[in-house]
Protein backbone atom coordinates (compact mmCIF):
# COMPACT_ATOMS: atom_id res chain seq x y z
CA ARG A 1 -14.21 88.49 124.79
CA ASP A 2 -12.51 90.81 122.32
CA VAL A 3 -11.76 94.42 123.21
CA GLU A 4 -11.18 97.01 120.50
CA LEU A 5 -8.64 99.67 121.33
CA GLY A 6 -9.33 102.82 119.38
CA GLY A 7 -6.91 105.42 118.18
CA ILE A 8 -3.67 103.68 119.17
CA GLN A 9 -2.01 104.07 115.74
CA LYS A 10 -2.84 107.79 115.70
CA ALA A 11 -1.58 108.16 119.26
CA VAL A 12 1.76 106.58 118.34
CA ARG A 13 2.10 108.86 115.29
CA ASP A 14 1.35 111.89 117.46
CA LEU A 15 3.76 110.81 120.21
CA ASP A 16 6.45 110.35 117.57
CA GLY A 17 5.69 113.75 116.02
CA GLY A 18 8.25 115.76 117.94
CA GLU A 19 6.18 118.88 118.64
CA ALA A 20 4.79 119.57 122.13
CA THR A 21 1.19 119.84 120.88
CA SER A 22 1.55 116.58 118.94
CA VAL A 23 2.96 114.76 121.97
CA ALA A 24 0.21 116.10 124.25
CA ARG A 25 -2.42 115.03 121.71
CA GLY A 26 -0.77 111.59 121.46
CA LEU A 27 -0.94 111.08 125.22
CA TRP A 28 -4.58 112.13 125.24
CA ASP A 29 -5.42 109.85 122.29
CA PHE A 30 -3.56 106.96 123.89
CA GLY A 31 -5.32 107.38 127.23
CA ARG A 32 -8.72 107.69 125.54
CA GLY A 33 -8.05 104.66 123.35
CA LEU A 34 -7.37 102.53 126.40
CA GLN A 35 -10.41 103.65 128.40
CA VAL A 36 -12.08 100.29 127.67
CA LEU A 37 -9.39 98.35 129.54
CA PRO A 38 -10.63 98.82 133.14
CA ALA A 39 -14.04 97.35 132.26
CA ALA A 40 -12.37 94.52 130.33
CA LEU A 41 -10.14 93.75 133.31
CA ARG A 42 -13.13 93.71 135.65
CA ALA A 43 -14.87 91.27 133.28
CA CYS A 44 -11.79 89.04 133.60
CA ALA A 45 -12.03 89.20 137.42
CA SER A 46 -8.84 91.24 137.87
CA SER A 47 -8.22 92.65 141.31
CA ASP A 48 -9.81 95.98 142.15
CA TYR A 49 -6.35 97.32 143.00
CA HIS A 50 -5.03 96.69 139.48
CA VAL A 51 -8.16 98.04 137.80
CA ASP A 52 -8.12 101.19 139.95
CA HIS A 53 -4.38 101.68 139.37
CA LEU A 54 -4.87 101.43 135.59
CA GLY A 55 -7.83 103.81 135.70
CA SER A 56 -5.74 106.34 137.62
CA ALA A 57 -2.86 106.06 135.13
CA LEU A 58 -5.20 106.57 132.18
CA ALA A 59 -6.74 109.62 133.83
CA GLN A 60 -3.28 111.12 134.36
CA MET A 61 -2.50 110.65 130.67
CA THR A 62 -5.66 112.36 129.48
CA ARG A 63 -5.77 115.05 132.20
CA PRO A 64 -2.27 115.57 133.62
CA PHE A 65 -1.66 118.15 136.33
CA GLN A 66 1.72 118.92 134.80
CA PHE A 67 2.99 118.54 131.23
CA ALA A 68 6.43 119.58 130.02
CA TYR A 69 8.10 118.52 126.79
CA GLU A 70 11.53 119.28 125.38
CA ALA A 71 12.08 117.50 122.05
CA GLY A 72 14.47 114.58 122.37
CA ARG A 73 15.17 115.25 126.03
CA HIS A 74 12.23 115.24 128.43
CA LEU A 75 8.57 114.35 128.59
CA ILE A 76 7.37 115.15 132.08
CA ILE A 77 3.88 114.19 133.19
CA ASN A 78 2.91 114.92 136.78
CA TRP A 79 6.55 115.33 137.87
CA HIS A 80 7.75 112.06 136.26
CA ASP A 81 9.99 112.01 133.18
CA ILE A 82 8.53 109.28 130.96
CA SER A 83 10.47 110.12 127.78
CA LEU A 84 12.55 106.91 127.74
CA GLU A 85 9.50 104.70 128.31
CA VAL A 86 7.57 106.46 125.55
CA GLN A 87 10.48 106.19 123.09
CA ASP A 88 10.92 102.48 123.93
CA ALA A 89 7.19 101.91 123.45
CA ILE A 90 7.21 103.71 120.08
CA GLY A 91 10.18 101.60 118.94
CA ASP A 92 8.42 98.42 120.06
CA TYR A 93 5.25 99.44 118.22
CA HIS A 94 7.08 100.15 114.95
CA ALA A 95 8.98 96.84 115.26
CA GLY A 96 5.76 94.89 115.90
CA ARG A 97 6.85 93.93 119.44
CA PHE A 98 3.42 94.58 120.93
CA GLU A 99 4.09 92.83 124.23
CA GLY A 100 7.02 95.20 124.80
CA PHE A 101 4.84 98.08 123.63
CA GLY A 102 2.38 97.22 126.39
CA VAL A 103 5.08 96.99 129.03
CA ASP A 104 6.93 100.22 128.18
């Protein structure tokens, strides 16, 4: 069964934008675009643990308790600096390395 992920290209552009509002919007777009994944994983008989863990991560991206961004230095979401992972993922996306994009 195919799953369409919406808004991922826009999310990557926003995450790569460099301004705090752009980065926040990119995280929100990315989390919203992946909202279909938990249901798709359940349809593939994935474990409840993995589905719940993914759902929690997506919720934190779209509704973080804490957000702090300093261009080129830090991207802190809920007390975790994810700037290196986001930059690696953006690089993978632009290079067409989509498996790496999904891991980072």
